[in-house]
Amino acid sequence: MIDSRTAPYAALVLRVTLGALFLAHASLKLFVFTPAGTAKFFGSLGFPPELAYLIMTVEVLSGVALILGVRTRYAALAGIPILLGAIFSVHGAAGFFFTNPKGGWEFPAFWAIALAAQALLGDGAYALRPSRDVEAAGGQLSGAHSR
């Protein structure tokens, strides 16, 4: 059973945490590896180096959107292909555990699943732009959420 009193706050905590993870990940690429270094790394994996700039942009925009609660479902869904790409291009060959050399796929897989859960949950509390289904219900959870 879902507790309709606390579920919006659980979605809020998940939403803000996922957004902060994206901003941290983007910051690593921007300020530590640098955009040029990140592009070079993407090229070394066989990707077009320009893809790195798209990935960094999506990470920043998705992170901000998740934290603020703007188009939450789309922001969460936009991050999933990035993490699946990280699994299949870098982390998958390193095995499951993220503590393995070159980091395994455990953390990016969990992160992708959490993003899918966020997309299913929706905005949660304190979203700047709540979904239409929440607005139509007068800010109350409806349907399967209230059972």
C-alpha atoms as a PDB file:
ATOM      1  CA  MET A   1       0.000   0.000   0.000  1.00  0.00           C
ATOM      2  CA  ILE A   2       1.216   3.489  -0.840  1.00  0.00           C
ATOM      3  CA  ASP A   3       0.925   6.098   1.906  1.00  0.00           C
ATOM      4  CA  SER A   4      -0.540   9.019  -0.040  1.00  0.00           C
ATOM      5  CA  ARG A   5       0.497  11.444   2.725  1.00  0.00           C
ATOM      6  CA  THR A   6       4.219  10.738   2.444  1.00  0.00           C
ATOM      7  CA  ALA A   7       4.600   9.488  -1.152  1.00  0.00           C
ATOM      8  CA  PRO A   8       4.958  13.009  -2.626  1.00  0.00           C
ATOM      9  CA  TYR A   9       7.828  13.684  -0.208  1.00  0.00           C
ATOM     10  CA  ALA A  10       9.521  10.393  -1.089  1.00  0.00           C
ATOM     11  CA  ALA A  11       9.319  11.372  -4.764  1.00  0.00           C
ATOM     12  CA  LEU A  12      10.760  14.787  -3.846  1.00  0.00           C
ATOM     13  CA  VAL A  13      13.732  13.221  -2.031  1.00  0.00           C
ATOM     14  CA  LEU A  14      14.394  10.877  -4.948  1.00  0.00           C
ATOM     15  CA  ARG A  15      13.988  13.692  -7.504  1.00  0.00           C
ATOM     16  CA  VAL A  16      16.409  16.072  -5.757  1.00  0.00           C
ATOM     17  CA  THR A  17      18.949  13.311  -5.121  1.00  0.00           C
ATOM     18  CA  LEU A  18      18.921  12.176  -8.751  1.00  0.00           C
ATOM     19  CA  GLY A  19      19.253  15.765  -9.916  1.00  0.00           C
ATOM     20  CA  ALA A  20      22.210  16.358  -7.597  1.00  0.00           C
ATOM     21  CA  LEU A  21      23.892  13.201  -8.919  1.00  0.00           C
ATOM     22  CA  PHE A  22      23.563  14.482 -12.481  1.00  0.00           C
ATOM     23  CA  LEU A  23      25.017  17.858 -11.542  1.00  0.00           C
ATOM     24  CA  ALA A  24      27.909  16.180  -9.717  1.00  0.00           C
ATOM     25  CA  HIS A  25      28.586  13.918 -12.671  1.00  0.00           C
ATOM     26  CA  ALA A  26      28.444  16.828 -15.132  1.00  0.00           C
ATOM     27  CA  SER A  27      30.700  18.913 -12.865  1.00  0.00           C
ATOM     28  CA  LEU A  28      33.309  16.155 -12.891  1.00  0.00           C
ATOM     29  CA  LYS A  29      33.322  16.223 -16.694  1.00  0.00           C
ATOM     30  CA  LEU A  30      33.319  20.033 -16.868  1.00  0.00           C
ATOM     31  CA  PHE A  31      35.762  20.993 -14.126  1.00  0.00           C
ATOM     32  CA  VAL A  32      38.015  17.986 -13.538  1.00  0.00           C
ATOM     33  CA  PHE A  33      38.283  16.180 -16.870  1.00  0.00           C
ATOM     34  CA  THR A  34      37.425  19.404 -18.794  1.00  0.00           C
ATOM     35  CA  PRO A  35      35.096  19.379 -21.794  1.00  0.00           C
ATOM     36  CA  ALA A  36      38.028  18.834 -24.190  1.00  0.00           C
ATOM     37  CA  GLY A  37      39.329  15.930 -22.098  1.00  0.00           C
ATOM     38  CA  THR A  38      35.870  14.382 -21.911  1.00  0.00           C
ATOM     39  CA  ALA A  39      35.486  14.698 -25.686  1.00  0.00           C
ATOM     40  CA  LYS A  40      38.878  13.028 -26.168  1.00  0.00           C
ATOM     41  CA  PHE A  41      37.803  10.163 -23.878  1.00  0.00           C
ATOM     42  CA  PHE A  42      34.585   9.693 -25.857  1.00  0.00           C
ATOM     43  CA  GLY A  43      36.667   9.584 -29.032  1.00  0.00           C
ATOM     44  CA  SER A  44      38.924   6.913 -27.505  1.00  0.00           C
ATOM     45  CA  LEU A  45      35.826   4.767 -26.977  1.00  0.00           C
ATOM     46  CA  GLY A  46      34.927   5.039 -30.653  1.00  0.00           C
ATOM     47  CA  PHE A  47      32.199   7.653 -30.202  1.00  0.00           C
ATOM     48  CA  PRO A  48      32.187  10.979 -32.001  1.00  0.00           C
ATOM     49  CA  PRO A  49      33.964  13.367 -29.608  1.00  0.00           C
ATOM     50  CA  GLU A  50      31.124  15.877 -30.061  1.00  0.00           C
ATOM     51  CA  LEU A  51      28.792  13.442 -28.286  1.00  0.00           C
ATOM     52  CA  ALA A  52      30.516  14.386 -25.027  1.00  0.00           C
ATOM     53  CA  TYR A  53      29.128  17.921 -25.273  1.00  0.00           C
ATOM     54  CA  LEU A  54      25.600  16.596 -25.782  1.00  0.00           C
ATOM     55  CA  ILE A  55      25.975  14.261 -22.795  1.00  0.00           C
ATOM     56  CA  MET A  56      27.265  17.052 -20.540  1.00  0.00           C
ATOM     57  CA  THR A  57      24.400  19.312 -21.643  1.00  0.00           C
ATOM     58  CA  VAL A  58      21.779  16.643 -20.956  1.00  0.00           C
ATOM     59  CA  GLU A  59      23.316  15.915 -17.555  1.00  0.00           C
ATOM     60  CA  VAL A  60      23.198  19.587 -16.539  1.00  0.00           C
ATOM     61  CA  LEU A  61      19.701  20.238 -17.905  1.00  0.00           C
ATOM     62  CA  SER A  62      18.278  17.014 -16.468  1.00  0.00           C
ATOM     63  CA  GLY A  63      19.917  17.697 -13.119  1.00  0.00           C
ATOM     64  CA  VAL A  64      18.485  21.199 -12.865  1.00  0.00           C
ATOM     65  CA  ALA A  65      15.054  20.076 -14.103  1.00  0.00           C
ATOM     66  CA  LEU A  66      14.920  17.246 -11.566  1.00  0.00           C
ATOM     67  CA  ILE A  67      15.966  19.440  -8.654  1.00  0.00           C
ATOM     68  CA  LEU A  68      13.419  22.108  -9.544  1.00  0.00           C
ATOM     69  CA  GLY A  69      10.665  19.694 -10.511  1.00  0.00           C
ATOM     70  CA  VAL A  70      10.259  20.861 -14.097  1.00  0.00           C
ATOM     71  CA  ARG A  71       9.176  18.198 -16.586  1.00  0.00           C
ATOM     72  CA  THR A  72      10.353  15.609 -14.078  1.00  0.00           C
ATOM     73  CA  ARG A  73       9.305  12.554 -16.039  1.00  0.00           C
ATOM     74  CA  TYR A  74      11.046  13.721 -19.215  1.00  0.00           C
ATOM     75  CA  ALA A  75      14.171  14.732 -17.299  1.00  0.00           C
ATOM     76  CA  ALA A  76      14.345  11.321 -15.642  1.00  0.00           C
ATOM     77  CA  LEU A  77      13.777   9.481 -18.911  1.00  0.00           C
ATOM     78  CA  ALA A  78      16.435  11.582 -20.676  1.00  0.00           C
ATOM     79  CA  GLY A  79      19.073  10.346 -18.244  1.00  0.00           C
ATOM     80  CA  ILE A  80      18.446   6.633 -18.730  1.00  0.00           C
ATOM     81  CA  PRO A  81      20.137   6.316 -22.163  1.00  0.00           C
ATOM     82  CA  ILE A  82      23.201   8.126 -20.820  1.00  0.00           C
ATOM     83  CA  LEU A  83      23.581   5.592 -18.025  1.00  0.00           C
ATOM     84  CA  LEU A  84      22.889   2.631 -20.295  1.00  0.00           C
ATOM     85  CA  GLY A  85      25.555   3.994 -22.624  1.00  0.00           C
ATOM     86  CA  ALA A  86      27.971   4.200 -19.699  1.00  0.00           C
ATOM     87  CA  ILE A  87      27.203   0.595 -18.810  1.00  0.00           C
ATOM     88  CA  PHE A  88      27.625  -0.798 -22.320  1.00  0.00           C
ATOM     89  CA  SER A  89      30.625   1.312 -23.355  1.00  0.00           C
ATOM     90  CA  VAL A  90      32.713   1.580 -20.174  1.00  0.00           C
ATOM     91  CA  HIS A  91      31.495  -0.140 -17.019  1.00  0.00           C
ATOM     92  CA  GLY A  92      29.991  -3.392 -18.330  1.00  0.00           C
ATOM     93  CA  ALA A  93      33.306  -5.071 -19.093  1.00  0.00           C
ATOM     94  CA  ALA A  94      34.536  -4.299 -15.566  1.00  0.00           C
ATOM     95  CA  GLY A  95      32.024  -6.682 -13.974  1.00  0.00           C
ATOM     96  CA  PHE A  96      29.176  -5.954 -11.599  1.00  0.00           C
ATOM     97  CA  PHE A  97      30.737  -4.277  -8.571  1.00  0.00           C
ATOM     98  CA  PHE A  98      31.499  -0.582  -8.870  1.00  0.00           C
ATOM     99  CA  THR A  99      34.583  -1.051  -6.674  1.00  0.00           C
ATOM    100  CA  ASN A 100      36.202  -3.136  -9.435  1.00  0.00           C
ATOM    101  CA  PRO A 101      38.984  -1.531 -11.470  1.00  0.00           C
ATOM    102  CA  LYS A 102      37.362   0.813 -14.041  1.00  0.00           C
ATOM    103  CA  GLY A 103      34.138   0.632 -12.002  1.00  0.00           C
ATOM    104  CA  GLY A 104      31.552  -2.056 -12.627  1.00  0.00           C
ATOM    105  CA  TRP A 105      28.002  -1.523 -13.793  1.00  0.00           C
ATOM    106  CA  GLU A 106      26.326  -1.792 -10.372  1.00  0.00           C
ATOM    107  CA  PHE A 107      25.971   1.965  -9.701  1.00  0.00           C
ATOM    108  CA  PRO A 108      24.946   3.140 -13.197  1.00  0.00           C
ATOM    109  CA  ALA A 109      22.375   0.326 -13.374  1.00  0.00           C
ATOM    110  CA  PHE A 110      20.906   1.275 -10.003  1.00  0.00           C
ATOM    111  CA  TRP A 111      20.871   4.936 -11.045  1.00  0.00           C
ATOM    112  CA  ALA A 112      19.033   4.089 -14.289  1.00  0.00           C
ATOM    113  CA  ILE A 113      16.460   2.047 -12.352  1.00  0.00           C
ATOM    114  CA  ALA A 114      15.983   4.917  -9.886  1.00  0.00           C
ATOM    115  CA  LEU A 115      15.400   7.269 -12.837  1.00  0.00           C
ATOM    116  CA  ALA A 116      12.769   4.871 -14.208  1.00  0.00           C
ATOM    117  CA  ALA A 117      11.114   4.831 -10.774  1.00  0.00           C
ATOM    118  CA  GLN A 118      11.133   8.647 -10.735  1.00  0.00           C
ATOM    119  CA  ALA A 119       9.536   8.742 -14.179  1.00  0.00           C
ATOM    120  CA  LEU A 120       6.796   6.435 -12.911  1.00  0.00           C
ATOM    121  CA  LEU A 121       6.316   8.401  -9.675  1.00  0.00           C
ATOM    122  CA  GLY A 122       6.220  11.837 -11.248  1.00  0.00           C
ATOM    123  CA  ASP A 123       7.049  15.170  -9.695  1.00  0.00           C
ATOM    124  CA  GLY A 124       6.484  14.733  -5.982  1.00  0.00           C
ATOM    125  CA  ALA A 125       6.121  17.651  -3.593  1.00  0.00           C
ATOM    126  CA  TYR A 126       7.345  21.193  -4.263  1.00  0.00           C
ATOM    127  CA  ALA A 127       7.725  20.843  -8.017  1.00  0.00           C
ATOM    128  CA  LEU A 128       7.911  24.161  -9.851  1.00  0.00           C
ATOM    129  CA  ARG A 129       5.936  22.738 -12.736  1.00  0.00           C
ATOM    130  CA  PRO A 130       3.746  19.877 -11.488  1.00  0.00           C
ATOM    131  CA  SER A 131       2.419  17.348 -13.960  1.00  0.00           C
ATOM    132  CA  ARG A 132      -1.042  17.904 -15.336  1.00  0.00           C
ATOM    133  CA  ASP A 133      -2.442  14.783 -13.640  1.00  0.00           C
ATOM    134  CA  VAL A 134      -1.524  16.203 -10.215  1.00  0.00           C
ATOM    135  CA  GLU A 135      -2.963  19.633 -11.060  1.00  0.00           C
ATOM    136  CA  ALA A 136      -6.214  18.044 -12.252  1.00  0.00           C
ATOM    137  CA  ALA A 137      -6.553  16.187  -8.957  1.00  0.00           C
ATOM    138  CA  GLY A 138      -6.166  19.412  -6.965  1.00  0.00           C
ATOM    139  CA  GLY A 139      -2.613  18.544  -5.926  1.00  0.00           C
ATOM    140  CA  GLN A 140      -3.700  15.185  -4.558  1.00  0.00           C
ATOM    141  CA  LEU A 141      -2.381  11.867  -5.756  1.00  0.00           C
ATOM    142  CA  SER A 142      -4.891   9.956  -7.789  1.00  0.00           C
ATOM    143  CA  GLY A 143      -5.374   6.524  -9.290  1.00  0.00           C
ATOM    144  CA  ALA A 144      -2.950   3.824  -8.188  1.00  0.00           C
ATOM    145  CA  HIS A 145      -1.056   6.275  -5.958  1.00  0.00           C
ATOM    146  CA  SER A 146      -3.872   6.584  -3.455  1.00  0.00           C
ATOM    147  CA  ARG A 147      -4.587   2.881  -3.036  1.00  0.00           C
END
